[in-house]
Amino acid sequence: MRGLAIFKRDPTPKLKTARELLAAAETRLAAVQRDRGAALVESDDIETLRRQDREIEELGRAIFTYQDRIAALEAEQRRQDHARRVQEQQEAIDKIVAPAVAEYVQHGQELQKAFLHFLDLYEQLENKRTAVYVVWPAAAPRPTYSDLSVSHRTDPFNSHVSNIRYSAKEIAERIAANGASFIANCRKVEIPMPEPADDYRENAT
């Protein structure tokens, strides 16, 4: 990604201007309505009243337009903010999560090598036991075969060796799959769209 270049121009300056124009129009409308109310009682100048009516009508249309423009600019601002947060999320995954998962997978590979080395040493140990038993002098009392064993079949150690033997050749692949699944799940996390602000028309008095 090329960063914020993917976004359109920031609507914030235009939004600020539109809000200022709306406030000015609303202030002017209130003043003209106040003057017209006074003129209805005190003035006999019909032309002035008509001019005030036209201005009130024009200000009403302008206010309506400013409200629509503000709503559109706010929607664009929310869209850009949402898109920016989505991009930042993906960049965080690429820069933080993915390297951490890569190290996790690498440790899985090293763990698999260690397990395989352990099993190789264990097999050598078992072979040595057999060799000792085979060359034991026939005339001398000799221990039972299990006396030279690292563990008995019922010992926890023996079950641990069996578990390692069962999973040693697959552990790196499983860890890599777990890492890929974790990254995929991170990318699926949805960032909610910001809620719209209160509608100017609902608050207009």
N, C-alpha and C. Protein backbone atom coordinates (compact mmCIF):
# COMPACT_ATOMS: atom_id res chain seq x y z
N MET A 1 0.83 -1.19 0.00
CA MET A 1 0.00 0.00 0.00
C MET A 1 0.88 1.26 0.00
N ARG A 2 0.34 2.34 -0.55
CA ARG A 2 1.11 3.57 -0.63
C ARG A 2 0.68 4.59 0.41
N GLY A 3 0.04 4.12 1.46
CA GLY A 3 -0.34 5.02 2.53
C GLY A 3 -1.56 5.84 2.20
N LEU A 4 -1.59 7.05 2.74
CA LEU A 4 -2.79 7.87 2.63
C LEU A 4 -3.01 8.42 1.23
N ALA A 5 -2.12 8.15 0.31
CA ALA A 5 -2.30 8.62 -1.06
C ALA A 5 -3.51 7.98 -1.72
N ILE A 6 -4.00 6.88 -1.17
CA ILE A 6 -5.15 6.21 -1.77
C ILE A 6 -6.44 6.98 -1.48
N PHE A 7 -6.42 7.94 -0.56
CA PHE A 7 -7.62 8.65 -0.19
C PHE A 7 -7.77 9.93 -1.01
N LYS A 8 -9.02 10.37 -1.12
CA LYS A 8 -9.29 11.65 -1.75
C LYS A 8 -8.86 12.76 -0.81
N ARG A 9 -9.00 14.01 -1.30
CA ARG A 9 -8.61 15.15 -0.48
C ARG A 9 -9.45 15.20 0.80
N ASP A 10 -8.80 15.57 1.89
CA ASP A 10 -9.47 15.64 3.19
C ASP A 10 -10.61 16.65 3.12
N PRO A 11 -11.84 16.24 3.46
CA PRO A 11 -12.99 17.14 3.39
C PRO A 11 -13.10 18.11 4.57
N THR A 12 -12.20 18.02 5.55
CA THR A 12 -12.32 18.81 6.77
C THR A 12 -12.39 20.32 6.50
N PRO A 13 -11.52 20.90 5.63
CA PRO A 13 -11.63 22.36 5.39
C PRO A 13 -12.97 22.76 4.79
N LYS A 14 -13.47 21.99 3.83
CA LYS A 14 -14.76 22.30 3.24
C LYS A 14 -15.89 22.15 4.26
N LEU A 15 -15.75 21.15 5.13
CA LEU A 15 -16.76 20.95 6.16
C LEU A 15 -16.79 22.13 7.12
N LYS A 16 -15.62 22.63 7.48
CA LYS A 16 -15.53 23.80 8.36
C LYS A 16 -16.20 25.01 7.72
N THR A 17 -15.92 25.23 6.43
CA THR A 17 -16.52 26.36 5.72
C THR A 17 -18.03 26.23 5.64
N ALA A 18 -18.51 25.03 5.33
CA ALA A 18 -19.96 24.81 5.21
C ALA A 18 -20.66 25.06 6.54
N ARG A 19 -20.06 24.65 7.63
CA ARG A 19 -20.66 24.87 8.94
C ARG A 19 -20.69 26.37 9.28
N GLU A 20 -19.64 27.07 8.90
CA GLU A 20 -19.62 28.51 9.16
C GLU A 20 -20.70 29.23 8.33
N LEU A 21 -20.85 28.82 7.08
CA LEU A 21 -21.87 29.42 6.22
C LEU A 21 -23.27 29.11 6.75
N LEU A 22 -23.46 27.89 7.23
CA LEU A 22 -24.76 27.52 7.79
C LEU A 22 -25.07 28.37 9.02
N ALA A 23 -24.10 28.53 9.90
CA ALA A 23 -24.31 29.32 11.10
C ALA A 23 -24.64 30.77 10.75
N ALA A 24 -23.92 31.30 9.75
CA ALA A 24 -24.17 32.69 9.33
C ALA A 24 -25.57 32.83 8.74
N ALA A 25 -25.97 31.86 7.92
CA ALA A 25 -27.30 31.91 7.31
C ALA A 25 -28.39 31.80 8.36
N GLU A 26 -28.20 30.93 9.34
CA GLU A 26 -29.20 30.79 10.41
C GLU A 26 -29.30 32.07 11.24
N THR A 27 -28.14 32.69 11.49
CA THR A 27 -28.15 33.96 12.24
C THR A 27 -28.86 35.05 11.46
N ARG A 28 -28.55 35.12 10.15
CA ARG A 28 -29.21 36.12 9.31
C ARG A 28 -30.71 35.86 9.19
N LEU A 29 -31.10 34.61 9.08
CA LEU A 29 -32.52 34.27 8.98
C LEU A 29 -33.27 34.71 10.24
N ALA A 30 -32.68 34.47 11.38
CA ALA A 30 -33.32 34.88 12.64
C ALA A 30 -33.48 36.39 12.69
N ALA A 31 -32.46 37.11 12.21
CA ALA A 31 -32.53 38.58 12.24
C ALA A 31 -33.61 39.09 11.29
N VAL A 32 -33.68 38.54 10.08
CA VAL A 32 -34.68 38.99 9.10
C VAL A 32 -36.08 38.66 9.60
N GLN A 33 -36.27 37.48 10.17
CA GLN A 33 -37.58 37.11 10.71
C GLN A 33 -37.99 38.06 11.84
N ARG A 34 -37.00 38.45 12.64
CA ARG A 34 -37.30 39.39 13.73
C ARG A 34 -37.70 40.76 13.16
N ASP A 35 -36.94 41.23 12.15
CA ASP A 35 -37.24 42.52 11.53
C ASP A 35 -38.61 42.48 10.83
N ARG A 36 -38.92 41.39 10.19
CA ARG A 36 -40.21 41.28 9.50
C ARG A 36 -41.36 41.31 10.50
N GLY A 37 -41.15 40.62 11.63
CA GLY A 37 -42.19 40.66 12.65
C GLY A 37 -42.46 42.07 13.14
N ALA A 38 -41.39 42.83 13.32
CA ALA A 38 -41.56 44.22 13.75
C ALA A 38 -42.20 45.06 12.65
N ALA A 39 -41.79 44.80 11.39
CA ALA A 39 -42.32 45.58 10.27
C ALA A 39 -43.80 45.32 10.06
N LEU A 40 -44.24 44.12 10.33
CA LEU A 40 -45.67 43.81 10.18
C LEU A 40 -46.52 44.68 11.08
N VAL A 41 -45.96 45.05 12.23
CA VAL A 41 -46.71 45.85 13.20
C VAL A 41 -46.51 47.34 12.97
N GLU A 42 -45.27 47.73 12.66
CA GLU A 42 -44.93 49.15 12.68
C GLU A 42 -44.85 49.80 11.30
N SER A 43 -44.63 49.02 10.24
CA SER A 43 -44.38 49.63 8.92
C SER A 43 -45.55 49.40 7.98
N ASP A 44 -45.72 50.39 7.09
CA ASP A 44 -46.72 50.26 6.03
C ASP A 44 -46.06 50.02 4.68
N ASP A 45 -44.72 49.77 4.72
CA ASP A 45 -43.98 49.58 3.47
C ASP A 45 -44.10 48.11 3.03
N ILE A 46 -45.04 47.86 2.11
CA ILE A 46 -45.27 46.49 1.64
C ILE A 46 -44.06 45.97 0.89
N GLU A 47 -43.37 46.84 0.18
CA GLU A 47 -42.19 46.41 -0.60
C GLU A 47 -41.10 45.87 0.32
N THR A 48 -40.94 46.52 1.45
CA THR A 48 -39.95 46.02 2.42
C THR A 48 -40.32 44.64 2.92
N LEU A 49 -41.62 44.45 3.19
CA LEU A 49 -42.07 43.13 3.65
C LEU A 49 -41.85 42.07 2.57
N ARG A 50 -42.13 42.44 1.32
CA ARG A 50 -41.91 41.47 0.23
C ARG A 50 -40.43 41.14 0.09
N ARG A 51 -39.59 42.16 0.22
CA ARG A 51 -38.14 41.91 0.13
C ARG A 51 -37.69 41.00 1.26
N GLN A 52 -38.21 41.20 2.45
CA GLN A 52 -37.88 40.34 3.59
C GLN A 52 -38.38 38.92 3.36
N ASP A 53 -39.57 38.78 2.78
CA ASP A 53 -40.11 37.44 2.48
C ASP A 53 -39.20 36.71 1.50
N ARG A 54 -38.74 37.45 0.47
CA ARG A 54 -37.86 36.81 -0.52
C ARG A 54 -36.54 36.38 0.13
N GLU A 55 -36.03 37.25 0.98
CA GLU A 55 -34.76 36.91 1.64
C GLU A 55 -34.93 35.72 2.57
N ILE A 56 -36.05 35.70 3.29
CA ILE A 56 -36.32 34.55 4.18
C ILE A 56 -36.40 33.27 3.37
N GLU A 57 -37.06 33.33 2.21
CA GLU A 57 -37.17 32.14 1.36
C GLU A 57 -35.81 31.71 0.84
N GLU A 58 -35.01 32.67 0.40
CA GLU A 58 -33.67 32.36 -0.12
C GLU A 58 -32.77 31.79 0.99
N LEU A 59 -32.86 32.39 2.17
CA LEU A 59 -32.06 31.88 3.29
C LEU A 59 -32.48 30.46 3.67
N GLY A 60 -33.79 30.18 3.62
CA GLY A 60 -34.26 28.82 3.91
C GLY A 60 -33.70 27.81 2.94
N ARG A 61 -33.70 28.17 1.65
CA ARG A 61 -33.13 27.24 0.65
C ARG A 61 -31.63 27.07 0.85
N ALA A 62 -30.95 28.18 1.18
CA ALA A 62 -29.51 28.10 1.41
C ALA A 62 -29.19 27.22 2.61
N ILE A 63 -29.96 27.38 3.68
CA ILE A 63 -29.75 26.56 4.88
C ILE A 63 -29.95 25.09 4.55
N PHE A 64 -30.99 24.80 3.79
CA PHE A 64 -31.25 23.41 3.40
C PHE A 64 -30.07 22.85 2.61
N THR A 65 -29.54 23.65 1.68
CA THR A 65 -28.39 23.22 0.87
C THR A 65 -27.15 23.01 1.73
N TYR A 66 -26.90 23.93 2.66
CA TYR A 66 -25.74 23.78 3.55
C TYR A 66 -25.86 22.51 4.39
N GLN A 67 -27.07 22.23 4.86
CA GLN A 67 -27.28 21.02 5.66
C GLN A 67 -26.98 19.77 4.83
N ASP A 68 -27.45 19.77 3.58
CA ASP A 68 -27.16 18.62 2.71
C ASP A 68 -25.66 18.49 2.45
N ARG A 69 -25.00 19.62 2.22
CA ARG A 69 -23.56 19.59 1.95
C ARG A 69 -22.79 19.10 3.16
N ILE A 70 -23.18 19.57 4.34
CA ILE A 70 -22.51 19.14 5.57
C ILE A 70 -22.70 17.64 5.77
N ALA A 71 -23.93 17.15 5.53
CA ALA A 71 -24.19 15.72 5.69
C ALA A 71 -23.33 14.90 4.72
N ALA A 72 -23.19 15.37 3.48
CA ALA A 72 -22.38 14.65 2.49
C ALA A 72 -20.90 14.68 2.86
N LEU A 73 -20.41 15.85 3.32
CA LEU A 73 -19.01 15.96 3.70
C LEU A 73 -18.70 15.12 4.95
N GLU A 74 -19.64 15.07 5.89
CA GLU A 74 -19.44 14.24 7.08
C GLU A 74 -19.41 12.76 6.70
N ALA A 75 -20.28 12.36 5.76
CA ALA A 75 -20.28 10.96 5.32
C ALA A 75 -18.95 10.61 4.65
N GLU A 76 -18.43 11.54 3.84
CA GLU A 76 -17.13 11.31 3.20
C GLU A 76 -16.02 11.26 4.23
N GLN A 77 -16.12 12.10 5.24
CA GLN A 77 -15.11 12.10 6.30
C GLN A 77 -15.12 10.77 7.06
N ARG A 78 -16.32 10.25 7.34
CA ARG A 78 -16.42 8.96 8.02
C ARG A 78 -15.87 7.84 7.14
N ARG A 79 -16.19 7.92 5.83
CA ARG A 79 -15.70 6.88 4.92
C ARG A 79 -14.17 6.89 4.87
N GLN A 80 -13.57 8.08 4.78
CA GLN A 80 -12.12 8.17 4.73
C GLN A 80 -11.49 7.70 6.04
N ASP A 81 -12.11 8.07 7.16
CA ASP A 81 -11.59 7.64 8.46
C ASP A 81 -11.64 6.12 8.57
N HIS A 82 -12.74 5.54 8.12
CA HIS A 82 -12.87 4.08 8.16
C HIS A 82 -11.83 3.41 7.27
N ALA A 83 -11.67 3.93 6.05
CA ALA A 83 -10.69 3.35 5.12
C ALA A 83 -9.28 3.48 5.67
N ARG A 84 -9.00 4.60 6.33
CA ARG A 84 -7.68 4.80 6.92
C ARG A 84 -7.42 3.81 8.05
N ARG A 85 -8.43 3.57 8.88
CA ARG A 85 -8.27 2.62 9.98
C ARG A 85 -8.11 1.20 9.46
N VAL A 86 -8.83 0.85 8.40
CA VAL A 86 -8.68 -0.47 7.80
C VAL A 86 -7.27 -0.64 7.26
N GLN A 87 -6.76 0.40 6.59
CA GLN A 87 -5.39 0.33 6.06
C GLN A 87 -4.38 0.21 7.19
N GLU A 88 -4.57 0.99 8.25
CA GLU A 88 -3.64 0.92 9.38
C GLU A 88 -3.66 -0.46 10.02
N GLN A 89 -4.85 -1.08 10.07
CA GLN A 89 -4.95 -2.43 10.62
C GLN A 89 -4.14 -3.42 9.79
N GLN A 90 -4.29 -3.35 8.46
CA GLN A 90 -3.56 -4.27 7.60
C GLN A 90 -2.06 -4.03 7.67
N GLU A 91 -1.66 -2.76 7.76
CA GLU A 91 -0.23 -2.45 7.88
C GLU A 91 0.33 -2.97 9.21
N ALA A 92 -0.48 -2.88 10.28
CA ALA A 92 -0.03 -3.39 11.58
C ALA A 92 0.15 -4.91 11.52
N ILE A 93 -0.75 -5.58 10.81
CA ILE A 93 -0.62 -7.04 10.66
C ILE A 93 0.66 -7.37 9.90
N ASP A 94 0.93 -6.61 8.82
CA ASP A 94 2.12 -6.87 8.00
C ASP A 94 3.41 -6.58 8.77
N LYS A 95 3.40 -5.50 9.57
CA LYS A 95 4.63 -5.05 10.21
C LYS A 95 4.86 -5.68 11.59
N ILE A 96 3.78 -6.07 12.27
CA ILE A 96 3.92 -6.55 13.65
C ILE A 96 3.55 -8.03 13.76
N VAL A 97 2.34 -8.36 13.29
CA VAL A 97 1.86 -9.73 13.48
C VAL A 97 2.63 -10.73 12.61
N ALA A 98 2.76 -10.40 11.32
CA ALA A 98 3.41 -11.34 10.40
C ALA A 98 4.85 -11.67 10.81
N PRO A 99 5.70 -10.68 11.17
CA PRO A 99 7.05 -11.04 11.63
C PRO A 99 7.04 -11.89 12.89
N ALA A 100 6.12 -11.59 13.82
CA ALA A 100 6.04 -12.39 15.06
C ALA A 100 5.64 -13.83 14.74
N VAL A 101 4.69 -13.98 13.81
CA VAL A 101 4.27 -15.33 13.42
C VAL A 101 5.41 -16.05 12.70
N ALA A 102 6.19 -15.32 11.91
CA ALA A 102 7.33 -15.94 11.23
C ALA A 102 8.32 -16.51 12.24
N GLU A 103 8.56 -15.76 13.32
CA GLU A 103 9.45 -16.26 14.38
C GLU A 103 8.82 -17.47 15.07
N TYR A 104 7.53 -17.40 15.27
CA TYR A 104 6.79 -18.52 15.88
C TYR A 104 6.95 -19.79 15.04
N VAL A 105 6.82 -19.65 13.72
CA VAL A 105 6.97 -20.79 12.82
C VAL A 105 8.41 -21.30 12.84
N GLN A 106 9.36 -20.36 12.88
CA GLN A 106 10.77 -20.77 12.91
C GLN A 106 11.07 -21.56 14.19
N HIS A 107 10.53 -21.13 15.30
CA HIS A 107 10.73 -21.87 16.54
C HIS A 107 10.09 -23.26 16.45
N GLY A 108 8.96 -23.33 15.73
CA GLY A 108 8.33 -24.63 15.53
C GLY A 108 9.25 -25.58 14.76
N GLN A 109 9.93 -25.03 13.76
CA GLN A 109 10.86 -25.85 12.98
C GLN A 109 12.04 -26.31 13.84
N GLU A 110 12.52 -25.38 14.68
CA GLU A 110 13.62 -25.74 15.57
C GLU A 110 13.18 -26.77 16.61
N LEU A 111 11.94 -26.62 17.07
CA LEU A 111 11.41 -27.59 18.02
C LEU A 111 11.29 -28.97 17.39
N GLN A 112 10.86 -29.01 16.14
CA GLN A 112 10.76 -30.30 15.45
C GLN A 112 12.14 -30.94 15.32
N LYS A 113 13.15 -30.14 14.97
CA LYS A 113 14.51 -30.68 14.87
C LYS A 113 14.97 -31.22 16.22
N ALA A 114 14.64 -30.48 17.29
CA ALA A 114 15.04 -30.93 18.63
C ALA A 114 14.35 -32.24 19.00
N PHE A 115 13.07 -32.34 18.66
CA PHE A 115 12.34 -33.57 18.94
C PHE A 115 12.94 -34.75 18.17
N LEU A 116 13.22 -34.53 16.90
CA LEU A 116 13.79 -35.61 16.08
C LEU A 116 15.17 -36.01 16.61
N HIS A 117 15.95 -35.01 17.04
CA HIS A 117 17.27 -35.31 17.63
C HIS A 117 17.10 -36.10 18.92
N PHE A 118 16.12 -35.71 19.73
CA PHE A 118 15.84 -36.44 20.97
C PHE A 118 15.48 -37.89 20.67
N LEU A 119 14.62 -38.10 19.68
CA LEU A 119 14.23 -39.47 19.35
C LEU A 119 15.40 -40.27 18.83
N ASP A 120 16.30 -39.61 18.10
CA ASP A 120 17.48 -40.30 17.60
C ASP A 120 18.38 -40.74 18.76
N LEU A 121 18.56 -39.82 19.73
CA LEU A 121 19.37 -40.16 20.90
C LEU A 121 18.70 -41.26 21.72
N TYR A 122 17.39 -41.19 21.82
CA TYR A 122 16.66 -42.21 22.58
C TYR A 122 16.80 -43.57 21.92
N GLU A 123 16.73 -43.57 20.60
CA GLU A 123 16.90 -44.85 19.89
C GLU A 123 18.32 -45.39 20.07
N GLN A 124 19.30 -44.50 20.04
CA GLN A 124 20.68 -44.94 20.27
C GLN A 124 20.82 -45.52 21.68
N LEU A 125 20.16 -44.88 22.65
CA LEU A 125 20.22 -45.37 24.02
C LEU A 125 19.61 -46.77 24.12
N GLU A 126 18.49 -46.97 23.47
CA GLU A 126 17.85 -48.28 23.49
C GLU A 126 18.74 -49.33 22.82
N ASN A 127 19.41 -48.91 21.74
CA ASN A 127 20.31 -49.85 21.05
C ASN A 127 21.49 -50.23 21.93
N LYS A 128 21.98 -49.23 22.69
CA LYS A 128 23.10 -49.53 23.60
C LYS A 128 22.66 -50.51 24.68
N ARG A 129 21.47 -50.36 25.15
CA ARG A 129 20.96 -51.28 26.16
C ARG A 129 20.93 -52.71 25.61
N THR A 130 20.44 -52.81 24.38
CA THR A 130 20.37 -54.13 23.76
C THR A 130 21.77 -54.72 23.59
N ALA A 131 22.71 -53.84 23.16
CA ALA A 131 24.08 -54.32 22.94
C ALA A 131 24.71 -54.82 24.24
N VAL A 132 24.47 -54.08 25.31
CA VAL A 132 25.02 -54.51 26.61
C VAL A 132 24.44 -55.85 27.02
N TYR A 133 23.19 -56.02 26.83
CA TYR A 133 22.52 -57.25 27.23
C TYR A 133 23.02 -58.44 26.41
N VAL A 134 23.28 -58.17 25.10
CA VAL A 134 23.71 -59.26 24.22
C VAL A 134 25.11 -59.73 24.58
N VAL A 135 26.01 -58.81 24.90
CA VAL A 135 27.42 -59.18 25.14
C VAL A 135 27.69 -59.54 26.61
N TRP A 136 26.65 -59.54 27.42
CA TRP A 136 26.86 -59.88 28.83
C TRP A 136 27.39 -61.32 28.94
N PRO A 137 28.42 -61.51 29.79
CA PRO A 137 28.97 -62.87 29.91
C PRO A 137 27.90 -63.87 30.35
N ALA A 138 27.88 -64.96 29.64
CA ALA A 138 26.83 -65.94 29.90
C ALA A 138 26.97 -66.56 31.29
N ALA A 139 28.18 -66.66 31.78
CA ALA A 139 28.38 -67.31 33.08
C ALA A 139 28.08 -66.39 34.25
N ALA A 140 28.03 -65.10 34.00
CA ALA A 140 27.82 -64.15 35.09
C ALA A 140 26.34 -63.85 35.26
N PRO A 141 25.94 -63.63 36.50
CA PRO A 141 24.54 -63.22 36.69
C PRO A 141 24.28 -61.91 35.95
N ARG A 142 23.20 -61.83 35.26
CA ARG A 142 22.93 -60.60 34.51
C ARG A 142 21.56 -60.04 34.89
N PRO A 143 21.45 -58.75 34.75
CA PRO A 143 20.17 -58.13 35.10
C PRO A 143 19.10 -58.50 34.10
N THR A 144 17.90 -58.22 34.50
CA THR A 144 16.83 -58.43 33.52
C THR A 144 16.93 -57.36 32.44
N TYR A 145 16.29 -57.61 31.34
CA TYR A 145 16.35 -56.69 30.22
C TYR A 145 15.82 -55.31 30.59
N SER A 146 14.82 -55.27 31.43
CA SER A 146 14.21 -53.98 31.79
C SER A 146 15.06 -53.19 32.76
N ASP A 147 16.01 -53.82 33.44
CA ASP A 147 16.85 -53.09 34.39
C ASP A 147 17.69 -52.01 33.71
N LEU A 148 18.05 -52.23 32.48
CA LEU A 148 18.85 -51.25 31.75
C LEU A 148 17.98 -50.27 30.96
N SER A 149 16.69 -50.34 31.11
CA SER A 149 15.80 -49.46 30.36
C SER A 149 15.77 -48.08 31.00
N VAL A 150 15.64 -47.06 30.16
CA VAL A 150 15.50 -45.69 30.68
C VAL A 150 14.23 -45.59 31.50
N SER A 151 13.21 -46.27 31.06
CA SER A 151 11.94 -46.24 31.80
C SER A 151 11.20 -47.53 31.56
N HIS A 152 10.26 -47.78 32.43
CA HIS A 152 9.39 -48.92 32.24
C HIS A 152 8.18 -48.49 31.44
N ARG A 153 7.47 -49.43 30.92
CA ARG A 153 6.34 -49.12 30.04
C ARG A 153 5.26 -48.32 30.75
N THR A 154 5.20 -48.46 32.04
CA THR A 154 4.15 -47.75 32.77
C THR A 154 4.61 -46.38 33.27
N ASP A 155 5.88 -46.05 33.08
CA ASP A 155 6.38 -44.75 33.56
C ASP A 155 5.86 -43.61 32.68
N PRO A 156 5.62 -42.41 33.30
CA PRO A 156 5.20 -41.25 32.51
C PRO A 156 6.19 -40.89 31.42
N PHE A 157 7.49 -41.08 31.70
CA PHE A 157 8.50 -40.75 30.69
C PHE A 157 8.26 -41.52 29.41
N ASN A 158 7.93 -42.78 29.53
CA ASN A 158 7.71 -43.61 28.35
C ASN A 158 6.53 -43.07 27.52
N SER A 159 5.49 -42.60 28.20
CA SER A 159 4.35 -42.06 27.47
C SER A 159 4.71 -40.75 26.80
N HIS A 160 5.57 -39.97 27.44
CA HIS A 160 6.02 -38.72 26.82
C HIS A 160 6.80 -39.01 25.55
N VAL A 161 7.65 -40.01 25.60
CA VAL A 161 8.41 -40.38 24.40
C VAL A 161 7.46 -40.81 23.28
N SER A 162 6.44 -41.55 23.64
CA SER A 162 5.47 -41.98 22.63
C SER A 162 4.75 -40.79 22.01
N ASN A 163 4.40 -39.81 22.84
CA ASN A 163 3.73 -38.62 22.32
C ASN A 163 4.63 -37.82 21.39
N ILE A 164 5.91 -37.71 21.78
CA ILE A 164 6.86 -36.99 20.94
C ILE A 164 7.05 -37.72 19.62
N ARG A 165 7.17 -39.03 19.68
CA ARG A 165 7.35 -39.81 18.46
C ARG A 165 6.14 -39.65 17.53
N TYR A 166 4.95 -39.55 18.13
CA TYR A 166 3.71 -39.43 17.33
C TYR A 166 3.64 -38.10 16.60
N SER A 167 4.10 -37.02 17.27
CA SER A 167 3.89 -35.68 16.69
C SER A 167 5.13 -35.02 16.14
N ALA A 168 6.31 -35.63 16.33
CA ALA A 168 7.56 -34.94 15.98
C ALA A 168 7.63 -34.54 14.51
N LYS A 169 7.19 -35.42 13.61
CA LYS A 169 7.33 -35.13 12.18
C LYS A 169 6.27 -34.17 11.65
N GLU A 170 5.27 -33.85 12.48
CA GLU A 170 4.19 -32.98 12.02
C GLU A 170 4.12 -31.65 12.77
N ILE A 171 4.92 -31.51 13.82
CA ILE A 171 4.74 -30.34 14.69
C ILE A 171 5.04 -29.03 13.96
N ALA A 172 6.09 -29.01 13.11
CA ALA A 172 6.41 -27.78 12.38
C ALA A 172 5.29 -27.41 11.42
N GLU A 173 4.74 -28.41 10.75
CA GLU A 173 3.64 -28.15 9.82
C GLU A 173 2.40 -27.64 10.56
N ARG A 174 2.14 -28.21 11.71
CA ARG A 174 0.97 -27.77 12.50
C ARG A 174 1.16 -26.33 12.99
N ILE A 175 2.36 -26.02 13.46
CA ILE A 175 2.63 -24.67 13.94
C ILE A 175 2.53 -23.67 12.80
N ALA A 176 3.03 -24.01 11.63
CA ALA A 176 2.94 -23.13 10.46
C ALA A 176 1.47 -22.89 10.09
N ALA A 177 0.67 -23.95 10.15
CA ALA A 177 -0.76 -23.82 9.85
C ALA A 177 -1.46 -22.93 10.87
N ASN A 178 -1.09 -23.10 12.14
CA ASN A 178 -1.66 -22.24 13.18
C ASN A 178 -1.31 -20.78 12.96
N GLY A 179 -0.05 -20.52 12.57
CA GLY A 179 0.37 -19.15 12.32
C GLY A 179 -0.38 -18.52 11.16
N ALA A 180 -0.53 -19.28 10.07
CA ALA A 180 -1.26 -18.78 8.91
C ALA A 180 -2.72 -18.51 9.25
N SER A 181 -3.30 -19.39 10.04
CA SER A 181 -4.70 -19.21 10.46
C SER A 181 -4.85 -17.98 11.33
N PHE A 182 -3.88 -17.73 12.19
CA PHE A 182 -3.94 -16.56 13.07
C PHE A 182 -3.90 -15.28 12.26
N ILE A 183 -3.01 -15.20 11.28
CA ILE A 183 -2.92 -14.01 10.43
C ILE A 183 -4.21 -13.81 9.65
N ALA A 184 -4.75 -14.91 9.11
CA ALA A 184 -6.00 -14.81 8.35
C ALA A 184 -7.14 -14.30 9.23
N ASN A 185 -7.19 -14.78 10.46
CA ASN A 185 -8.24 -14.33 11.38
C ASN A 185 -8.07 -12.86 11.74
N CYS A 186 -6.82 -12.41 11.87
CA CYS A 186 -6.57 -11.00 12.14
C CYS A 186 -7.08 -10.13 11.00
N ARG A 187 -6.87 -10.59 9.77
CA ARG A 187 -7.32 -9.80 8.61
C ARG A 187 -8.83 -9.79 8.48
N LYS A 188 -9.50 -10.76 9.07
CA LYS A 188 -10.96 -10.83 8.97
C LYS A 188 -11.66 -9.93 9.98
N VAL A 189 -10.90 -9.42 10.97
CA VAL A 189 -11.53 -8.57 11.99
C VAL A 189 -12.04 -7.30 11.32
N GLU A 190 -13.32 -7.04 11.44
CA GLU A 190 -13.93 -5.89 10.77
C GLU A 190 -13.92 -4.67 11.69
N ILE A 191 -13.52 -3.55 11.12
CA ILE A 191 -13.56 -2.28 11.84
C ILE A 191 -14.90 -1.62 11.52
N PRO A 192 -15.70 -1.30 12.53
CA PRO A 192 -17.01 -0.72 12.26
C PRO A 192 -16.92 0.67 11.65
N MET A 193 -17.87 0.98 10.80
CA MET A 193 -17.96 2.32 10.24
C MET A 193 -18.38 3.29 11.33
N PRO A 194 -17.73 4.47 11.42
CA PRO A 194 -18.13 5.45 12.44
C PRO A 194 -19.60 5.84 12.30
N GLU A 195 -20.24 6.06 13.43
CA GLU A 195 -21.65 6.45 13.43
C GLU A 195 -21.78 7.89 12.93
N PRO A 196 -22.86 8.17 12.17
CA PRO A 196 -23.05 9.55 11.69
C PRO A 196 -23.41 10.48 12.82
N ALA A 197 -23.06 11.76 12.65
CA ALA A 197 -23.41 12.77 13.63
C ALA A 197 -24.90 13.08 13.54
N ASP A 198 -25.42 13.81 14.51
CA ASP A 198 -26.83 14.18 14.50
C ASP A 198 -27.17 14.96 13.25
N ASP A 199 -28.33 14.73 12.68
CA ASP A 199 -28.78 15.40 11.48
C ASP A 199 -29.11 16.85 11.81
N TYR A 200 -28.58 17.78 11.00
CA TYR A 200 -28.84 19.19 11.24
C TYR A 200 -30.33 19.50 11.17
N ARG A 201 -31.03 18.81 10.26
CA ARG A 201 -32.43 19.12 10.08
C ARG A 201 -33.24 18.75 11.31
N GLU A 202 -32.85 17.64 11.98
CA GLU A 202 -33.56 17.22 13.17
C GLU A 202 -33.36 18.21 14.30
N ASN A 203 -32.18 18.87 14.32
CA ASN A 203 -31.88 19.79 15.40
C ASN A 203 -32.22 21.23 15.06
N ALA A 204 -32.60 21.48 13.81
CA ALA A 204 -32.90 22.85 13.40
C ALA A 204 -34.18 23.32 14.05
N THR A 205 -34.17 24.55 14.47
CA THR A 205 -35.36 25.13 15.07
C THR A 205 -35.75 26.39 14.34
